[in-house]
N, C-alpha and C. Protein backbone atom coordinates (compact mmCIF):
# COMPACT_ATOMS: atom_id res chain seq x y z
N MET A 1 0.77 -1.30 0.12
CA MET A 1 -0.15 0.25 0.24
C MET A 1 1.17 1.01 0.02
N GLN A 2 0.52 2.07 -0.81
CA GLN A 2 1.37 3.58 -0.86
C GLN A 2 0.80 4.42 -0.18
N THR A 3 1.43 5.16 0.47
CA THR A 3 0.79 6.12 1.46
C THR A 3 1.43 7.91 0.56
N GLY A 4 0.90 8.49 1.37
CA GLY A 4 1.46 9.92 0.59
C GLY A 4 0.47 10.32 -0.65
N TYR A 5 0.87 11.77 -0.38
CA TYR A 5 0.14 12.77 -1.71
C TYR A 5 0.22 12.30 -3.18
N LEU A 6 -0.83 12.03 -3.93
CA LEU A 6 -0.74 11.74 -5.08
C LEU A 6 -0.89 13.47 -5.98
N TYR A 7 0.54 13.85 -6.48
CA TYR A 7 0.07 14.99 -7.15
C TYR A 7 0.09 14.33 -8.89
N GLN A 8 -0.64 15.26 -9.58
CA GLN A 8 -0.85 15.02 -11.05
C GLN A 8 -0.58 16.59 -11.64
N PHE A 9 -0.10 16.62 -12.45
CA PHE A 9 0.27 17.49 -13.31
C PHE A 9 0.31 17.63 -15.30
N LYS A 10 -0.53 18.44 -15.74
CA LYS A 10 -0.45 18.55 -17.22
C LYS A 10 1.00 18.39 -17.63
N VAL A 11 0.81 17.98 -18.84
CA VAL A 11 2.12 17.95 -19.50
C VAL A 11 1.70 18.27 -21.23
N VAL A 12 2.47 19.46 -21.60
CA VAL A 12 2.41 19.80 -23.12
C VAL A 12 3.51 19.02 -23.64
N LEU A 13 3.57 18.24 -24.76
CA LEU A 13 4.37 18.04 -25.95
C LEU A 13 4.98 18.95 -27.05
N SER A 14 6.11 18.85 -27.35
CA SER A 14 5.71 19.87 -28.44
C SER A 14 7.30 19.56 -29.23
N ARG A 15 7.72 19.65 -30.49
CA ARG A 15 9.10 19.35 -30.96
C ARG A 15 9.89 20.65 -31.06
N ASP A 16 11.06 20.70 -30.68
CA ASP A 16 11.80 21.60 -31.00
C ASP A 16 12.62 21.63 -32.39
N PRO A 17 12.34 22.89 -33.17
CA PRO A 17 12.60 23.25 -34.77
C PRO A 17 13.97 22.97 -34.76
N GLU A 18 14.31 23.48 -33.86
CA GLU A 18 16.11 23.90 -34.15
C GLU A 18 16.74 22.46 -33.67
N THR A 19 16.54 21.57 -32.81
CA THR A 19 17.19 20.19 -32.25
C THR A 19 16.23 19.07 -32.92
N ARG A 20 15.36 19.18 -33.38
CA ARG A 20 13.80 18.34 -33.60
C ARG A 20 13.72 17.25 -32.59
N GLN A 21 14.35 17.67 -30.99
CA GLN A 21 14.01 16.87 -29.87
C GLN A 21 12.46 17.16 -29.44
N THR A 22 11.88 16.11 -28.79
CA THR A 22 10.66 16.36 -28.18
C THR A 22 10.98 16.97 -26.78
N VAL A 23 10.20 17.84 -26.48
CA VAL A 23 10.44 19.20 -25.47
C VAL A 23 8.92 18.44 -24.65
N ALA A 24 9.02 17.88 -23.32
CA ALA A 24 7.81 17.67 -22.43
C ALA A 24 7.93 19.30 -21.37
N HIS A 25 6.69 19.70 -21.46
CA HIS A 25 6.50 21.18 -20.59
C HIS A 25 5.67 20.73 -19.39
N VAL A 26 5.52 21.32 -18.42
CA VAL A 26 4.58 21.69 -17.30
C VAL A 26 4.62 22.79 -16.89
N PRO A 27 3.39 23.22 -17.85
CA PRO A 27 3.25 24.79 -17.30
C PRO A 27 2.50 25.21 -15.77
N ALA A 28 1.94 24.27 -15.00
CA ALA A 28 1.93 24.73 -14.02
C ALA A 28 3.14 25.12 -13.06
N LEU A 29 4.15 24.44 -13.48
CA LEU A 29 5.32 24.32 -12.65
C LEU A 29 6.49 25.13 -13.26
N ASP A 30 5.91 25.45 -14.96
CA ASP A 30 7.18 26.23 -15.75
C ASP A 30 8.41 25.52 -15.62
N ILE A 31 8.20 23.85 -15.60
CA ILE A 31 9.42 23.09 -15.59
C ILE A 31 9.35 22.24 -17.14
N ALA A 32 10.70 22.08 -17.59
CA ALA A 32 10.67 21.36 -18.85
C ALA A 32 11.68 20.04 -18.89
N ASP A 33 11.55 19.38 -19.94
CA ASP A 33 12.95 18.59 -20.65
C ASP A 33 12.92 17.97 -21.65
N TYR A 34 14.01 17.18 -22.00
CA TYR A 34 13.69 16.88 -23.77
C TYR A 34 13.94 15.68 -23.79
N GLY A 35 14.00 14.96 -25.07
CA GLY A 35 14.45 13.72 -25.04
C GLY A 35 14.38 13.37 -26.48
N ILE A 36 14.88 12.22 -27.40
CA ILE A 36 14.90 12.27 -28.59
C ILE A 36 13.65 11.59 -29.07
N ASP A 37 12.70 11.06 -28.37
CA ASP A 37 11.58 10.95 -28.64
C ASP A 37 10.29 10.96 -27.18
N SER A 38 9.07 11.24 -27.29
CA SER A 38 8.30 11.22 -26.24
C SER A 38 8.63 10.73 -24.91
N GLU A 39 9.03 9.27 -25.13
CA GLU A 39 9.17 8.60 -24.19
C GLU A 39 10.70 9.04 -23.25
N GLU A 40 11.71 9.29 -23.73
CA GLU A 40 12.63 9.50 -23.27
C GLU A 40 12.58 11.16 -22.65
N ALA A 41 12.05 11.67 -23.03
CA ALA A 41 11.20 13.29 -22.37
C ALA A 41 10.37 13.05 -21.49
N LEU A 42 9.23 12.59 -21.50
CA LEU A 42 8.57 12.15 -20.49
C LEU A 42 9.29 11.35 -19.17
N SER A 43 10.32 10.87 -19.53
CA SER A 43 10.97 9.86 -18.40
C SER A 43 11.91 11.03 -17.56
N ARG A 44 12.42 11.90 -18.49
CA ARG A 44 13.21 12.89 -17.81
C ARG A 44 12.59 14.08 -17.34
N LEU A 45 11.25 13.86 -17.52
CA LEU A 45 10.24 15.24 -17.04
C LEU A 45 10.02 14.42 -15.80
N GLN A 46 9.72 13.30 -15.49
CA GLN A 46 9.05 12.94 -14.23
C GLN A 46 10.62 12.89 -13.29
N ASP A 47 11.54 12.58 -13.55
CA ASP A 47 12.76 12.61 -12.55
C ASP A 47 12.72 14.35 -12.35
N MET A 48 12.79 15.28 -12.90
CA MET A 48 12.88 16.59 -12.80
C MET A 48 11.49 17.23 -12.03
N LEU A 49 10.26 16.42 -12.17
CA LEU A 49 9.04 16.79 -11.39
C LEU A 49 9.28 16.06 -9.74
N VAL A 50 9.90 15.02 -9.61
CA VAL A 50 10.00 14.67 -8.13
C VAL A 50 11.41 15.62 -7.59
N PHE A 51 12.14 15.86 -8.46
CA PHE A 51 13.39 16.69 -8.07
C PHE A 51 12.78 17.78 -7.12
N HIS A 52 12.20 18.63 -8.43
CA HIS A 52 11.27 19.79 -8.11
C HIS A 52 10.50 20.21 -6.92
N LEU A 53 9.71 18.95 -6.75
CA LEU A 53 8.73 19.04 -5.54
C LEU A 53 9.46 18.69 -4.50
N GLU A 54 10.33 17.79 -4.23
CA GLU A 54 11.08 17.36 -3.08
C GLU A 54 11.68 18.97 -2.89
N CYS A 55 12.15 19.46 -3.52
CA CYS A 55 13.14 20.83 -2.91
C CYS A 55 11.83 22.01 -2.71
N LEU A 56 11.23 21.84 -3.00
CA LEU A 56 10.20 22.83 -2.74
C LEU A 56 9.26 22.42 -1.40
N VAL A 57 9.22 21.27 -1.16
CA VAL A 57 9.06 20.60 0.14
C VAL A 57 10.36 20.94 1.20
N SER A 58 11.69 20.72 0.95
CA SER A 58 12.36 20.56 1.78
C SER A 58 12.78 22.29 2.14
N GLU A 59 12.34 23.22 1.52
CA GLU A 59 12.56 24.63 1.49
C GLU A 59 11.07 25.30 2.21
N GLY A 60 10.21 24.33 2.61
CA GLY A 60 9.21 24.86 3.53
C GLY A 60 8.11 25.43 2.31
N LYS A 61 7.95 25.46 1.07
CA LYS A 61 7.42 26.26 0.12
C LYS A 61 5.97 25.29 0.18
N ALA A 62 5.19 26.14 -0.28
CA ALA A 62 3.68 24.88 -0.75
C ALA A 62 3.87 24.13 -2.15
N VAL A 63 3.31 23.23 -2.49
CA VAL A 63 3.68 22.55 -3.57
C VAL A 63 2.38 22.76 -4.19
N PRO A 64 2.12 23.39 -5.34
CA PRO A 64 1.10 23.70 -6.50
C PRO A 64 0.34 22.40 -6.48
N ARG A 65 -1.12 22.72 -6.75
CA ARG A 65 -2.02 21.68 -7.03
C ARG A 65 -2.75 22.19 -8.26
N GLU A 66 -2.90 21.26 -9.22
CA GLU A 66 -3.93 21.83 -10.38
C GLU A 66 -5.39 21.45 -10.20
N GLU A 67 -5.85 22.52 -10.32
CA GLU A 67 -7.06 22.47 -10.13
C GLU A 67 -8.14 21.66 -11.57
N GLY A 68 -9.09 21.36 -11.20
CA GLY A 68 -9.63 20.89 -12.65
C GLY A 68 -8.73 19.42 -13.37
N GLN A 69 -9.54 18.72 -14.21
CA GLN A 69 -8.89 18.25 -14.91
C GLN A 69 -9.59 18.15 -16.51
N GLU A 70 -8.54 18.36 -17.51
CA GLU A 70 -9.09 18.37 -19.10
C GLU A 70 -8.73 17.45 -19.44
N GLU A 71 -8.94 16.60 -20.66
CA GLU A 71 -8.32 15.60 -21.40
C GLU A 71 -6.74 16.43 -21.42
N GLY A 72 -5.74 15.16 -21.68
CA GLY A 72 -4.72 15.81 -21.89
C GLY A 72 -3.48 14.36 -21.40
N LEU A 73 -2.55 14.35 -21.16
CA LEU A 73 -1.46 13.84 -20.94
C LEU A 73 -0.94 14.41 -19.64
N TYR A 74 -0.95 13.67 -18.60
CA TYR A 74 -0.48 13.68 -17.14
C TYR A 74 0.44 12.91 -16.62
N LEU A 75 1.34 13.46 -15.71
CA LEU A 75 2.37 13.06 -14.80
C LEU A 75 1.88 13.05 -13.71
N GLN A 76 2.22 11.79 -12.94
CA GLN A 76 1.99 11.69 -11.18
C GLN A 76 3.07 11.36 -10.47
N VAL A 77 3.11 12.19 -9.52
CA VAL A 77 4.49 11.93 -8.40
C VAL A 77 3.55 12.20 -6.79
N ARG A 78 4.16 10.52 -6.29
CA ARG A 78 3.67 10.43 -5.18
C ARG A 78 4.66 10.82 -3.95
N LEU A 79 4.24 11.75 -3.13
CA LEU A 79 5.29 12.49 -2.36
C LEU A 79 5.02 11.42 -0.65
N PRO A 80 5.90 11.61 0.26
CA PRO A 80 5.78 10.51 1.35
C PRO A 80 4.87 11.40 2.04
N VAL A 81 4.05 11.01 3.16
CA VAL A 81 3.39 11.54 4.24
C VAL A 81 4.11 12.41 5.15
N GLY A 82 3.83 13.54 5.36
CA GLY A 82 4.30 14.56 5.78
C GLY A 82 5.23 15.71 4.58
N ALA A 83 5.08 15.04 3.85
CA ALA A 83 6.12 16.25 2.49
C ALA A 83 5.25 17.15 1.92
N SER A 84 3.80 16.91 1.75
CA SER A 84 3.02 17.75 1.15
C SER A 84 2.49 18.68 2.45
C-alpha cells in the first residue's frame, strides 16, 4: 500500500524546431525537459518533477496543485506523508 499525496500535472509535448527533439513541459510549474522521443522526454521530466517537488517541500514552500482536470497527458508523483 502506497501512502502520501498524489500530485498530478498536465504535460504539453512539442518538438524543438532546431534540434528536432521532443520537449515535455509542465505549464503549472514552468519546468520542461527534452528527449529524442516522447518516452525519453517524459521519463526525464518525471525525474525533474520529483526533484522539483522535493525541493519545494524541503524549502518549506507550498506544492502547487492543479485544479480541475481536462483531457490530455498527465504525470503523477506521490510524495511521502508529511512531505506535502
